[in-house]
């Protein structure tokens, strides 16, 4: 399950190299696959890992995968720098969307003892006090 995550990082690096070489013009099909495929592979790998570990997929990340996939339709008409800027905007938007959500995995997997300690620090009583 780690292979798509690592492959996503590597493919993204190749896409970055292509961006540096051809920033002002549209990328060919291989370049588009690298620029879009790297983040898609990474997010897909992380989603598969999450499903395996906690049994649920992150709908927000699946939405980002869909947006990146649909971006492939327009990608051939965009300069490489514009395409990468849009990809970054999608990923930053995803990060902000996830940060603002209430369903972060850390909250679901919080240690009850640690939660009581945190309440004690704030002057609240826990279930054991």
N, C-alpha and C. Protein backbone atom coordinates (compact mmCIF):
# COMPACT_ATOMS: atom_id res chain seq x y z
N UNK A 1 0.80 -1.21 0.00
CA UNK A 1 0.00 0.00 0.00
C UNK A 1 0.85 1.27 0.00
N UNK A 2 2.11 1.12 0.32
CA UNK A 2 2.97 2.30 0.31
C UNK A 2 3.49 2.63 -1.09
N UNK A 3 3.42 1.66 -1.99
CA UNK A 3 3.96 1.86 -3.33
C UNK A 3 3.31 3.04 -4.05
N UNK A 4 1.97 3.16 -4.06
CA UNK A 4 1.40 4.34 -4.76
C UNK A 4 1.80 5.67 -4.12
N UNK A 5 1.98 5.68 -2.80
CA UNK A 5 2.38 6.92 -2.12
C UNK A 5 3.78 7.32 -2.57
N UNK A 6 4.71 6.37 -2.52
CA UNK A 6 6.09 6.65 -2.93
C UNK A 6 6.14 6.96 -4.43
N UNK A 7 5.39 6.20 -5.22
CA UNK A 7 5.36 6.46 -6.67
C UNK A 7 4.82 7.86 -6.94
N UNK A 8 3.83 8.28 -6.17
CA UNK A 8 3.28 9.62 -6.34
C UNK A 8 4.31 10.70 -6.10
N UNK A 9 5.14 10.51 -5.09
CA UNK A 9 6.21 11.48 -4.80
C UNK A 9 7.22 11.51 -5.95
N UNK A 10 7.58 10.34 -6.44
CA UNK A 10 8.57 10.27 -7.53
C UNK A 10 8.01 10.87 -8.81
N UNK A 11 6.77 10.51 -9.14
CA UNK A 11 6.15 11.05 -10.36
C UNK A 11 5.99 12.57 -10.26
N UNK A 12 5.67 13.06 -9.08
CA UNK A 12 5.57 14.51 -8.88
C UNK A 12 6.92 15.17 -9.12
N UNK A 13 8.00 14.55 -8.66
CA UNK A 13 9.34 15.10 -8.89
C UNK A 13 9.67 15.16 -10.37
N UNK A 14 9.27 14.14 -11.12
CA UNK A 14 9.48 14.16 -12.56
C UNK A 14 8.67 15.29 -13.19
N UNK A 15 7.44 15.45 -12.74
CA UNK A 15 6.61 16.56 -13.24
C UNK A 15 7.24 17.91 -12.95
N UNK A 16 7.85 18.04 -11.78
CA UNK A 16 8.53 19.30 -11.44
C UNK A 16 9.71 19.56 -12.37
N UNK A 17 10.45 18.51 -12.69
CA UNK A 17 11.57 18.65 -13.63
C UNK A 17 11.07 19.11 -15.00
N UNK A 18 9.95 18.54 -15.44
CA UNK A 18 9.38 18.95 -16.72
C UNK A 18 8.90 20.39 -16.67
N UNK A 19 8.36 20.80 -15.53
CA UNK A 19 7.95 22.19 -15.36
C UNK A 19 9.14 23.13 -15.52
N UNK A 20 10.23 22.78 -14.88
CA UNK A 20 11.43 23.62 -14.96
C UNK A 20 11.92 23.72 -16.40
N UNK A 21 11.85 22.63 -17.13
CA UNK A 21 12.35 22.62 -18.51
C UNK A 21 11.41 23.30 -19.49
N UNK A 22 10.11 23.27 -19.22
CA UNK A 22 9.13 23.76 -20.20
C UNK A 22 8.06 24.64 -19.55
N UNK A 23 8.44 25.56 -18.70
CA UNK A 23 7.48 26.33 -17.92
C UNK A 23 6.51 27.15 -18.77
N UNK A 24 6.97 27.71 -19.86
CA UNK A 24 6.16 28.63 -20.63
C UNK A 24 5.27 28.01 -21.68
N UNK A 25 5.38 26.72 -21.90
CA UNK A 25 4.56 26.11 -22.94
C UNK A 25 3.78 24.92 -22.40
N UNK A 26 2.79 24.49 -23.16
CA UNK A 26 1.97 23.36 -22.75
C UNK A 26 2.80 22.08 -22.77
N UNK A 27 2.52 21.21 -21.84
CA UNK A 27 3.22 19.93 -21.76
C UNK A 27 2.59 18.93 -22.72
N UNK A 28 3.38 17.95 -23.13
CA UNK A 28 2.83 16.87 -23.92
C UNK A 28 2.08 15.91 -22.99
N UNK A 29 1.52 14.87 -23.56
CA UNK A 29 0.70 13.94 -22.77
C UNK A 29 1.49 13.34 -21.61
N UNK A 30 2.72 12.95 -21.85
CA UNK A 30 3.54 12.38 -20.77
C UNK A 30 3.77 13.37 -19.64
N UNK A 31 4.01 14.60 -19.98
CA UNK A 31 4.22 15.63 -18.96
C UNK A 31 2.95 15.89 -18.15
N UNK A 32 1.83 15.90 -18.84
CA UNK A 32 0.56 16.10 -18.14
C UNK A 32 0.30 14.95 -17.18
N UNK A 33 0.59 13.74 -17.63
CA UNK A 33 0.41 12.56 -16.76
C UNK A 33 1.30 12.68 -15.53
N UNK A 34 2.50 13.18 -15.69
CA UNK A 34 3.41 13.33 -14.54
C UNK A 34 2.91 14.41 -13.57
N UNK A 35 2.53 15.56 -14.11
CA UNK A 35 2.12 16.68 -13.26
C UNK A 35 0.82 16.36 -12.52
N UNK A 36 -0.12 15.73 -13.18
CA UNK A 36 -1.39 15.39 -12.54
C UNK A 36 -1.34 14.03 -11.85
N UNK A 37 -0.63 13.10 -12.46
CA UNK A 37 -0.59 11.73 -11.94
C UNK A 37 0.12 11.59 -10.61
N UNK A 38 1.15 12.40 -10.37
CA UNK A 38 1.87 12.32 -9.11
C UNK A 38 0.98 12.60 -7.90
N UNK A 39 0.32 13.75 -7.87
CA UNK A 39 -0.60 14.01 -6.76
C UNK A 39 -1.76 13.02 -6.69
N UNK A 40 -2.27 12.60 -7.85
CA UNK A 40 -3.36 11.62 -7.85
C UNK A 40 -2.89 10.31 -7.24
N UNK A 41 -1.72 9.83 -7.65
CA UNK A 41 -1.18 8.58 -7.08
C UNK A 41 -0.98 8.70 -5.58
N UNK A 42 -0.40 9.81 -5.14
CA UNK A 42 -0.17 10.00 -3.72
C UNK A 42 -1.48 9.98 -2.94
N UNK A 43 -2.46 10.76 -3.38
CA UNK A 43 -3.74 10.82 -2.68
C UNK A 43 -4.48 9.48 -2.73
N UNK A 44 -4.39 8.79 -3.86
CA UNK A 44 -5.01 7.48 -3.99
C UNK A 44 -4.34 6.47 -3.06
N UNK A 45 -3.01 6.49 -3.01
CA UNK A 45 -2.28 5.59 -2.11
C UNK A 45 -2.62 5.86 -0.66
N UNK A 46 -2.70 7.13 -0.30
CA UNK A 46 -3.05 7.47 1.08
C UNK A 46 -4.47 7.04 1.40
N UNK A 47 -5.37 7.17 0.42
CA UNK A 47 -6.75 6.74 0.62
C UNK A 47 -6.84 5.23 0.80
N UNK A 48 -6.12 4.48 -0.02
CA UNK A 48 -6.10 3.02 0.12
C UNK A 48 -5.53 2.60 1.47
N UNK A 49 -4.48 3.29 1.90
CA UNK A 49 -3.87 3.00 3.20
C UNK A 49 -4.87 3.28 4.32
N UNK A 50 -5.58 4.39 4.20
CA UNK A 50 -6.57 4.76 5.22
C UNK A 50 -7.70 3.72 5.27
N UNK A 51 -8.17 3.29 4.10
CA UNK A 51 -9.22 2.28 4.06
C UNK A 51 -8.74 0.99 4.73
N UNK A 52 -7.52 0.62 4.47
CA UNK A 52 -6.96 -0.59 5.07
C UNK A 52 -6.83 -0.47 6.58
N UNK A 53 -6.42 0.71 7.06
CA UNK A 53 -6.14 0.87 8.48
C UNK A 53 -7.39 1.18 9.31
N UNK A 54 -8.26 2.06 8.84
CA UNK A 54 -9.42 2.44 9.66
C UNK A 54 -10.76 2.17 8.99
N UNK A 55 -10.73 1.63 7.79
CA UNK A 55 -11.96 1.19 7.15
C UNK A 55 -12.81 2.27 6.52
N UNK A 56 -12.27 3.45 6.31
CA UNK A 56 -13.05 4.50 5.65
C UNK A 56 -12.16 5.31 4.74
N UNK A 57 -12.77 5.82 3.68
CA UNK A 57 -12.06 6.68 2.74
C UNK A 57 -12.39 8.13 3.08
N UNK A 58 -11.47 9.02 2.74
CA UNK A 58 -11.66 10.44 2.97
C UNK A 58 -12.31 11.03 1.71
N UNK A 59 -13.58 11.41 1.83
CA UNK A 59 -14.32 11.93 0.69
C UNK A 59 -13.69 13.20 0.12
N UNK A 60 -13.07 13.99 0.98
CA UNK A 60 -12.45 15.22 0.51
C UNK A 60 -11.26 14.91 -0.40
N UNK A 61 -10.48 13.92 -0.04
CA UNK A 61 -9.34 13.55 -0.89
C UNK A 61 -9.81 12.90 -2.18
N UNK A 62 -10.89 12.13 -2.11
CA UNK A 62 -11.45 11.56 -3.34
C UNK A 62 -11.96 12.67 -4.25
N UNK A 63 -12.52 13.72 -3.67
CA UNK A 63 -12.96 14.87 -4.46
C UNK A 63 -11.78 15.55 -5.14
N UNK A 64 -10.68 15.70 -4.42
CA UNK A 64 -9.48 16.32 -5.00
C UNK A 64 -8.93 15.45 -6.14
N UNK A 65 -8.97 14.12 -5.97
CA UNK A 65 -8.54 13.22 -7.03
C UNK A 65 -9.40 13.44 -8.27
N UNK A 66 -10.71 13.56 -8.08
CA UNK A 66 -11.62 13.78 -9.22
C UNK A 66 -11.34 15.12 -9.90
N UNK A 67 -11.12 16.17 -9.11
CA UNK A 67 -10.83 17.48 -9.69
C UNK A 67 -9.53 17.43 -10.49
N UNK A 68 -8.51 16.80 -9.93
CA UNK A 68 -7.24 16.69 -10.66
C UNK A 68 -7.41 15.87 -11.94
N UNK A 69 -8.20 14.81 -11.87
CA UNK A 69 -8.46 14.01 -13.06
C UNK A 69 -9.19 14.82 -14.13
N UNK A 70 -10.19 15.59 -13.73
CA UNK A 70 -10.92 16.43 -14.68
C UNK A 70 -10.04 17.55 -15.24
N UNK A 71 -9.08 17.99 -14.47
CA UNK A 71 -8.15 19.01 -14.94
C UNK A 71 -7.36 18.52 -16.15
N UNK A 72 -7.22 17.22 -16.27
CA UNK A 72 -6.53 16.65 -17.42
C UNK A 72 -7.17 17.02 -18.74
N UNK A 73 -8.47 17.30 -18.73
CA UNK A 73 -9.17 17.68 -19.97
C UNK A 73 -8.64 19.02 -20.49
N UNK A 74 -8.36 19.96 -19.57
CA UNK A 74 -7.89 21.29 -19.97
C UNK A 74 -6.37 21.40 -20.02
N UNK A 75 -5.69 20.43 -19.47
CA UNK A 75 -4.26 20.55 -19.24
C UNK A 75 -3.45 20.81 -20.51
N UNK A 76 -3.85 20.24 -21.63
CA UNK A 76 -3.10 20.42 -22.88
C UNK A 76 -3.15 21.83 -23.42
N UNK A 77 -4.10 22.62 -22.94
CA UNK A 77 -4.25 24.00 -23.42
C UNK A 77 -3.56 25.01 -22.51
N UNK A 78 -3.04 24.54 -21.38
CA UNK A 78 -2.43 25.44 -20.39
C UNK A 78 -0.92 25.35 -20.43
N UNK A 79 -0.26 26.48 -20.21
CA UNK A 79 1.19 26.46 -20.05
C UNK A 79 1.52 25.65 -18.80
N UNK A 80 2.67 25.04 -18.79
CA UNK A 80 3.06 24.16 -17.67
C UNK A 80 2.98 24.88 -16.33
N UNK A 81 3.44 26.11 -16.28
CA UNK A 81 3.43 26.85 -15.03
C UNK A 81 2.00 27.12 -14.55
N UNK A 82 1.09 27.36 -15.46
CA UNK A 82 -0.31 27.57 -15.10
C UNK A 82 -0.92 26.26 -14.60
N UNK A 83 -0.63 25.16 -15.29
CA UNK A 83 -1.14 23.86 -14.87
C UNK A 83 -0.67 23.51 -13.46
N UNK A 84 0.62 23.69 -13.21
CA UNK A 84 1.16 23.37 -11.88
C UNK A 84 0.57 24.31 -10.83
N UNK A 85 0.35 25.56 -11.17
CA UNK A 85 -0.27 26.50 -10.23
C UNK A 85 -1.68 26.05 -9.87
N UNK A 86 -2.43 25.58 -10.83
CA UNK A 86 -3.78 25.10 -10.55
C UNK A 86 -3.73 23.83 -9.69
N UNK A 87 -2.79 22.94 -9.97
CA UNK A 87 -2.63 21.72 -9.17
C UNK A 87 -2.30 22.10 -7.72
N UNK A 88 -1.38 23.03 -7.55
CA UNK A 88 -1.03 23.48 -6.20
C UNK A 88 -2.24 24.10 -5.51
N UNK A 89 -3.02 24.89 -6.24
CA UNK A 89 -4.22 25.51 -5.67
C UNK A 89 -5.21 24.44 -5.20
N UNK A 90 -5.38 23.38 -5.99
CA UNK A 90 -6.28 22.29 -5.59
C UNK A 90 -5.76 21.63 -4.31
N UNK A 91 -4.46 21.37 -4.24
CA UNK A 91 -3.89 20.70 -3.06
C UNK A 91 -3.93 21.60 -1.82
N UNK A 92 -3.67 22.88 -2.00
CA UNK A 92 -3.76 23.82 -0.87
C UNK A 92 -5.22 23.93 -0.42
N UNK A 93 -6.14 23.99 -1.37
CA UNK A 93 -7.56 24.00 -1.03
C UNK A 93 -7.96 22.76 -0.25
N UNK A 94 -7.45 21.61 -0.66
CA UNK A 94 -7.72 20.37 0.07
C UNK A 94 -7.17 20.45 1.49
N UNK A 95 -5.97 20.94 1.63
CA UNK A 95 -5.37 21.04 2.97
C UNK A 95 -6.18 21.96 3.87
N UNK A 96 -6.63 23.08 3.35
CA UNK A 96 -7.44 24.01 4.14
C UNK A 96 -8.79 23.37 4.47
N UNK A 97 -9.38 22.69 3.51
CA UNK A 97 -10.66 22.01 3.71
C UNK A 97 -10.54 20.95 4.80
N UNK A 98 -9.47 20.19 4.77
CA UNK A 98 -9.26 19.16 5.79
C UNK A 98 -8.93 19.77 7.15
N UNK A 99 -8.18 20.84 7.16
CA UNK A 99 -7.80 21.48 8.42
C UNK A 99 -9.02 22.03 9.14
N UNK A 100 -9.95 22.58 8.40
CA UNK A 100 -11.14 23.18 8.99
C UNK A 100 -12.21 22.17 9.37
N UNK A 101 -12.04 20.90 9.00
CA UNK A 101 -13.08 19.91 9.27
C UNK A 101 -13.03 19.40 10.70
N UNK A 102 -14.13 18.87 11.15
CA UNK A 102 -14.24 18.32 12.50
C UNK A 102 -13.95 16.83 12.54
N UNK A 103 -13.76 16.20 11.41
CA UNK A 103 -13.61 14.74 11.38
C UNK A 103 -12.18 14.29 11.16
N UNK A 104 -11.23 14.97 11.78
CA UNK A 104 -9.84 14.58 11.64
C UNK A 104 -9.59 13.27 12.37
N UNK A 105 -8.75 12.38 11.82
CA UNK A 105 -8.52 11.09 12.45
C UNK A 105 -7.97 11.19 13.86
N UNK A 106 -7.20 12.20 14.16
CA UNK A 106 -6.62 12.34 15.49
C UNK A 106 -7.68 12.49 16.57
N UNK A 107 -8.80 13.12 16.23
CA UNK A 107 -9.87 13.28 17.20
C UNK A 107 -10.56 11.95 17.46
N UNK A 108 -10.70 11.13 16.44
CA UNK A 108 -11.37 9.85 16.61
C UNK A 108 -10.50 8.86 17.36
N UNK A 109 -9.19 8.99 17.24
CA UNK A 109 -8.28 8.03 17.83
C UNK A 109 -7.62 8.56 19.10
N UNK A 110 -8.18 9.63 19.67
CA UNK A 110 -7.56 10.25 20.85
C UNK A 110 -7.56 9.27 22.02
N UNK A 111 -6.50 9.33 22.82
CA UNK A 111 -6.36 8.51 24.01
C UNK A 111 -7.24 9.08 25.12
N UNK A 112 -8.17 8.28 25.67
CA UNK A 112 -9.05 8.81 26.72
C UNK A 112 -8.28 9.29 27.94
N UNK A 113 -7.19 8.61 28.28
CA UNK A 113 -6.40 9.04 29.44
C UNK A 113 -5.76 10.38 29.14
N UNK A 114 -5.20 10.53 27.95
CA UNK A 114 -4.60 11.80 27.56
C UNK A 114 -5.64 12.91 27.52
N UNK A 115 -6.88 12.56 27.12
CA UNK A 115 -7.94 13.57 27.10
C UNK A 115 -8.26 14.04 28.51
N UNK A 116 -8.25 13.11 29.48
CA UNK A 116 -8.50 13.50 30.87
C UNK A 116 -7.39 14.39 31.39
N UNK A 117 -6.16 14.08 31.01
CA UNK A 117 -5.04 14.92 31.45
C UNK A 117 -5.21 16.32 30.90
N UNK A 118 -5.62 16.41 29.62
CA UNK A 118 -5.84 17.73 29.02
C UNK A 118 -6.93 18.50 29.75
N UNK A 119 -7.99 17.82 30.17
CA UNK A 119 -9.05 18.49 30.91
C UNK A 119 -8.54 18.95 32.27
N UNK A 120 -7.72 18.13 32.89
CA UNK A 120 -7.19 18.51 34.20
C UNK A 120 -6.33 19.76 34.09
N UNK A 121 -5.59 19.87 32.99
CA UNK A 121 -4.77 21.06 32.78
C UNK A 121 -5.62 22.32 32.64
N UNK A 122 -6.85 22.14 32.16
CA UNK A 122 -7.74 23.29 31.99
C UNK A 122 -8.63 23.50 33.20
N UNK A 123 -8.45 22.71 34.24
CA UNK A 123 -9.25 22.85 35.46
C UNK A 123 -10.59 22.13 35.39
N UNK A 124 -10.78 21.27 34.37
CA UNK A 124 -12.01 20.51 34.25
C UNK A 124 -11.83 19.14 34.86
N UNK A 125 -12.91 18.54 35.29
CA UNK A 125 -12.81 17.18 35.82
C UNK A 125 -13.11 16.19 34.73
N UNK A 126 -12.35 15.12 34.70
CA UNK A 126 -12.56 14.06 33.75
C UNK A 126 -13.48 13.00 34.31
N UNK A 127 -13.68 11.93 33.59
CA UNK A 127 -14.57 10.88 34.05
C UNK A 127 -13.97 10.11 35.25
N UNK A 128 -12.67 10.23 35.47
CA UNK A 128 -12.01 9.49 36.55
C UNK A 128 -11.87 10.32 37.79
N UNK A 129 -12.13 11.63 37.72
CA UNK A 129 -11.88 12.51 38.87
C UNK A 129 -13.06 12.56 39.80
